[in-house]
Structure formats: structure tokens, C-alpha cells
Amino acid sequence: YGCRLRPCCLLLLPLLLLPFLLNYFLNNSTAPTPMPTPPAPPPMRIPVPIPAPPPPPAPLPPAPPVPVPVPAAAPVPAPPSFGAFGTCIGWGDPHLRTFDGTRADYYSSGEYYLVKSGPISIQARYLPTKFTNGL
């Protein structure tokens, strides 16, 4: 029926040829001879005139002295014309600690004065939230 090649035969064929191929490539590998490179041409020299350096600039005349102004004495600010100092703290939604230390909580909607003094007036508008509505 002729010669049938099976997959196992196809794998064995390169293995049988491997020693012959290695022997051929290892014994016949010679480095190619390099080609001689032509010599480089000599550099071209082109005469170029070099301009003379410019003359140095003339020195500037000395500047006249500038008078330094003497600063005037700074005005001393007048002490404030209102009463003693204090601290007011606000936190959360409607919580305040007033200047005299009492606590104020504003749960109802409306406009309130947080500070109402001669030179200063601070006003706040409070609206209920879904958590504080009806308190």
C-alpha cells in the first residue's frame, strides 16, 4: 500500500538528522572576511574671515545719590470703645454657648440675633430639618 507516515515518524525524523546538521554547521562555520573600508577623505578647509570683537562700551557716569525717606512714626491704634472681650461658640445645627457661658438651642424656625452689640450685629436664620422638626 505504500509508505505511510505516522505522527510518531514525523517526530523521529528531525531527531535522526540532528547530529548530521550539527556537525555540518559546527565544522563549516567560518567567519566572513571583513571588507576593507576606504580611507576617510581629508577635511575640507574653507577660509572664513573672523570679525574683530566690538569695542567695550563706555563706562556710565555714577548715579546721583537717592535720598532715603525717613519713615514717620506709626500711629498707635486706639483701644476699642466697647466692653470686655468674650467667646461665643456655635456647633452642630442650632447649638450655641453664649458670651456669659449659658447654652442656647434653637430648634424652632426663625431669625435670631447671635450677637447684638453696639458696633457688631450677627443674625442667623434657622430652619427645621427632618430630625428636628417638631421639637
C-alpha atoms as a PDB file:
ATOM      1  CA  TYR A   1       0.000   0.000   0.000  1.00  0.00           C
ATOM      2  CA  GLY A   2       2.916   2.331   0.013  1.00  0.00           C
ATOM      3  CA  CYS A   3       4.701   4.216   2.763  1.00  0.00           C
ATOM      4  CA  ARG A   4       2.511   5.753   5.372  1.00  0.00           C
ATOM      5  CA  LEU A   5       3.963   8.454   7.618  1.00  0.00           C
ATOM      6  CA  ARG A   6       2.563   8.491  11.076  1.00  0.00           C
ATOM      7  CA  PRO A   7       2.918  11.405  13.540  1.00  0.00           C
ATOM      8  CA  CYS A   8       5.475   9.491  15.567  1.00  0.00           C
ATOM      9  CA  CYS A   9       7.624   9.067  12.462  1.00  0.00           C
ATOM     10  CA  LEU A  10       7.500  12.758  11.742  1.00  0.00           C
ATOM     11  CA  LEU A  11       8.872  13.451  15.229  1.00  0.00           C
ATOM     12  CA  LEU A  12      11.701  10.931  14.911  1.00  0.00           C
ATOM     13  CA  LEU A  13      12.944  12.201  11.547  1.00  0.00           C
ATOM     14  CA  PRO A  14      14.387  15.547  12.835  1.00  0.00           C
ATOM     15  CA  LEU A  15      15.931  13.747  15.823  1.00  0.00           C
ATOM     16  CA  LEU A  16      17.759  11.357  13.475  1.00  0.00           C
ATOM     17  CA  LEU A  17      19.007  14.227  11.304  1.00  0.00           C
ATOM     18  CA  LEU A  18      20.096  16.406  14.244  1.00  0.00           C
ATOM     19  CA  PRO A  19      23.671  15.002  14.639  1.00  0.00           C
ATOM     20  CA  PHE A  20      24.410  15.435  10.929  1.00  0.00           C
ATOM     21  CA  LEU A  21      23.078  19.002  10.893  1.00  0.00           C
ATOM     22  CA  LEU A  22      25.086  19.973  13.992  1.00  0.00           C
ATOM     23  CA  ASN A  23      28.263  18.509  12.546  1.00  0.00           C
ATOM     24  CA  TYR A  24      27.737  20.374   9.296  1.00  0.00           C
ATOM     25  CA  PHE A  25      27.079  23.766  10.905  1.00  0.00           C
ATOM     26  CA  LEU A  26      29.843  23.493  13.531  1.00  0.00           C
ATOM     27  CA  ASN A  27      32.577  22.414  11.101  1.00  0.00           C
ATOM     28  CA  ASN A  28      31.636  24.688   8.209  1.00  0.00           C
ATOM     29  CA  SER A  29      31.123  27.868  10.195  1.00  0.00           C
ATOM     30  CA  THR A  30      33.850  30.289   9.244  1.00  0.00           C
ATOM     31  CA  ALA A  31      33.698  33.978   9.908  1.00  0.00           C
ATOM     32  CA  PRO A  32      33.279  36.037   6.745  1.00  0.00           C
ATOM     33  CA  THR A  33      36.278  38.145   5.825  1.00  0.00           C
ATOM     34  CA  PRO A  34      35.675  41.806   6.519  1.00  0.00           C
ATOM     35  CA  MET A  35      35.715  44.189   3.590  1.00  0.00           C
ATOM     36  CA  PRO A  36      38.384  46.883   3.849  1.00  0.00           C
ATOM     37  CA  THR A  37      36.919  50.292   4.493  1.00  0.00           C
ATOM     38  CA  PRO A  38      38.014  53.103   2.224  1.00  0.00           C
ATOM     39  CA  PRO A  39      40.105  55.810   3.895  1.00  0.00           C
ATOM     40  CA  ALA A  40      38.266  58.900   5.073  1.00  0.00           C
ATOM     41  CA  PRO A  41      38.656  61.923   2.825  1.00  0.00           C
ATOM     42  CA  PRO A  42      40.771  64.751   4.247  1.00  0.00           C
ATOM     43  CA  PRO A  43      38.788  67.533   5.928  1.00  0.00           C
ATOM     44  CA  MET A  44      37.982  70.495   3.772  1.00  0.00           C
ATOM     45  CA  ARG A  45      39.378  73.798   4.953  1.00  0.00           C
ATOM     46  CA  ILE A  46      37.449  76.856   3.902  1.00  0.00           C
ATOM     47  CA  PRO A  47      38.940  80.216   4.874  1.00  0.00           C
ATOM     48  CA  VAL A  48      36.389  82.312   6.748  1.00  0.00           C
ATOM     49  CA  PRO A  49      37.151  85.856   7.884  1.00  0.00           C
ATOM     50  CA  ILE A  50      36.745  86.316  11.644  1.00  0.00           C
ATOM     51  CA  PRO A  51      35.299  89.727  12.519  1.00  0.00           C
ATOM     52  CA  ALA A  52      37.072  91.852  15.098  1.00  0.00           C
ATOM     53  CA  PRO A  53      35.406  91.993  18.514  1.00  0.00           C
ATOM     54  CA  PRO A  54      33.325  95.118  19.178  1.00  0.00           C
ATOM     55  CA  PRO A  55      34.918  97.800  21.331  1.00  0.00           C
ATOM     56  CA  PRO A  56      33.940  97.770  25.018  1.00  0.00           C
ATOM     57  CA  PRO A  57      31.080 100.123  25.946  1.00  0.00           C
ATOM     58  CA  ALA A  58      31.896 103.435  27.527  1.00  0.00           C
ATOM     59  CA  PRO A  59      31.515 103.458  31.313  1.00  0.00           C
ATOM     60  CA  LEU A  60      28.359 105.094  32.652  1.00  0.00           C
ATOM     61  CA  PRO A  61      28.654 108.145  34.875  1.00  0.00           C
ATOM     62  CA  PRO A  62      27.926 107.437  38.542  1.00  0.00           C
ATOM     63  CA  ALA A  63      24.296 107.876  39.539  1.00  0.00           C
ATOM     64  CA  PRO A  64      23.467 110.704  41.935  1.00  0.00           C
ATOM     65  CA  PRO A  65      22.663 109.518  45.453  1.00  0.00           C
ATOM     66  CA  VAL A  66      18.972 108.911  46.094  1.00  0.00           C
ATOM     67  CA  PRO A  67      17.676 110.389  49.343  1.00  0.00           C
ATOM     68  CA  VAL A  68      16.200 107.726  51.606  1.00  0.00           C
ATOM     69  CA  PRO A  69      12.914 108.839  53.172  1.00  0.00           C
ATOM     70  CA  VAL A  70      12.742 108.542  56.933  1.00  0.00           C
ATOM     71  CA  PRO A  71       9.576 106.670  57.913  1.00  0.00           C
ATOM     72  CA  ALA A  72       7.187 108.545  60.133  1.00  0.00           C
ATOM     73  CA  ALA A  73       6.208 107.052  63.441  1.00  0.00           C
ATOM     74  CA  ALA A  74       3.319 104.588  63.026  1.00  0.00           C
ATOM     75  CA  PRO A  75       0.118 105.707  64.680  1.00  0.00           C
ATOM     76  CA  VAL A  76      -0.846 103.706  67.729  1.00  0.00           C
ATOM     77  CA  PRO A  77      -4.376 102.315  67.382  1.00  0.00           C
ATOM     78  CA  ALA A  78      -6.828 103.487  69.980  1.00  0.00           C
ATOM     79  CA  PRO A  79      -8.184 100.835  72.336  1.00  0.00           C
ATOM     80  CA  PRO A  80     -11.666  99.571  71.422  1.00  0.00           C
ATOM     81  CA  SER A  81     -14.515 101.577  72.782  1.00  0.00           C
ATOM     82  CA  PHE A  82     -16.653  98.603  73.739  1.00  0.00           C
ATOM     83  CA  GLY A  83     -16.688  96.381  76.811  1.00  0.00           C
ATOM     84  CA  ALA A  84     -14.699  93.299  77.744  1.00  0.00           C
ATOM     85  CA  PHE A  85     -13.793  90.535  75.319  1.00  0.00           C
ATOM     86  CA  GLY A  86     -15.619  87.187  75.343  1.00  0.00           C
ATOM     87  CA  THR A  87     -16.087  83.999  73.393  1.00  0.00           C
ATOM     88  CA  CYS A  88     -19.215  82.731  71.709  1.00  0.00           C
ATOM     89  CA  ILE A  89     -19.194  79.222  70.195  1.00  0.00           C
ATOM     90  CA  GLY A  90     -21.666  77.687  67.756  1.00  0.00           C
ATOM     91  CA  TRP A  91     -21.700  73.967  66.795  1.00  0.00           C
ATOM     92  CA  GLY A  92     -23.998  71.412  65.273  1.00  0.00           C
ATOM     93  CA  ASP A  93     -27.227  72.643  63.828  1.00  0.00           C
ATOM     94  CA  PRO A  94     -28.679  75.059  66.414  1.00  0.00           C
ATOM     95  CA  HIS A  95     -26.372  74.864  69.464  1.00  0.00           C
ATOM     96  CA  LEU A  96     -24.654  77.937  70.945  1.00  0.00           C
ATOM     97  CA  ARG A  97     -22.605  78.751  74.022  1.00  0.00           C
ATOM     98  CA  THR A  98     -23.155  82.471  74.676  1.00  0.00           C
ATOM     99  CA  PHE A  99     -20.664  85.071  75.915  1.00  0.00           C
ATOM    100  CA  ASP A 100     -21.770  84.640  79.517  1.00  0.00           C
ATOM    101  CA  GLY A 101     -21.420  80.810  79.291  1.00  0.00           C
ATOM    102  CA  THR A 102     -25.057  79.775  79.045  1.00  0.00           C
ATOM    103  CA  ARG A 103     -26.198  77.285  76.440  1.00  0.00           C
ATOM    104  CA  ALA A 104     -28.842  78.126  73.853  1.00  0.00           C
ATOM    105  CA  ASP A 105     -30.507  75.624  71.471  1.00  0.00           C
ATOM    106  CA  TYR A 106     -32.722  76.898  68.657  1.00  0.00           C
ATOM    107  CA  TYR A 107     -34.941  74.098  67.384  1.00  0.00           C
ATOM    108  CA  SER A 108     -37.772  76.206  66.026  1.00  0.00           C
ATOM    109  CA  SER A 109     -37.527  78.059  62.744  1.00  0.00           C
ATOM    110  CA  GLY A 110     -36.946  81.780  62.733  1.00  0.00           C
ATOM    111  CA  GLU A 111     -34.345  84.554  62.678  1.00  0.00           C
ATOM    112  CA  TYR A 112     -32.288  85.101  65.814  1.00  0.00           C
ATOM    113  CA  TYR A 113     -29.592  87.558  66.853  1.00  0.00           C
ATOM    114  CA  LEU A 114     -26.446  85.660  67.777  1.00  0.00           C
ATOM    115  CA  VAL A 115     -24.583  88.851  68.704  1.00  0.00           C
ATOM    116  CA  LYS A 116     -26.256  92.213  69.159  1.00  0.00           C
ATOM    117  CA  SER A 117     -23.943  94.855  70.492  1.00  0.00           C
ATOM    118  CA  GLY A 118     -23.157  98.463  69.609  1.00  0.00           C
ATOM    119  CA  PRO A 119     -20.659  98.022  66.745  1.00  0.00           C
ATOM    120  CA  ILE A 120     -21.448  94.346  65.917  1.00  0.00           C
ATOM    121  CA  SER A 121     -24.685  92.617  64.983  1.00  0.00           C
ATOM    122  CA  ILE A 122     -24.768  88.957  63.791  1.00  0.00           C
ATOM    123  CA  GLN A 123     -28.071  87.425  62.804  1.00  0.00           C
ATOM    124  CA  ALA A 124     -28.854  83.755  61.953  1.00  0.00           C
ATOM    125  CA  ARG A 125     -31.797  82.091  60.248  1.00  0.00           C
ATOM    126  CA  TYR A 126     -32.716  78.615  61.449  1.00  0.00           C
ATOM    127  CA  LEU A 127     -34.978  76.205  59.621  1.00  0.00           C
ATOM    128  CA  PRO A 128     -36.159  72.829  60.889  1.00  0.00           C
ATOM    129  CA  THR A 129     -34.662  69.627  59.464  1.00  0.00           C
ATOM    130  CA  LYS A 130     -36.336  66.235  59.222  1.00  0.00           C
ATOM    131  CA  PHE A 131     -34.656  65.305  62.519  1.00  0.00           C
ATOM    132  CA  THR A 132     -35.539  68.481  64.478  1.00  0.00           C
ATOM    133  CA  ASN A 133     -38.983  69.265  63.045  1.00  0.00           C
ATOM    134  CA  GLY A 134     -41.494  69.410  65.887  1.00  0.00           C
ATOM    135  CA  LEU A 135     -39.065  69.645  68.814  1.00  0.00           C
END
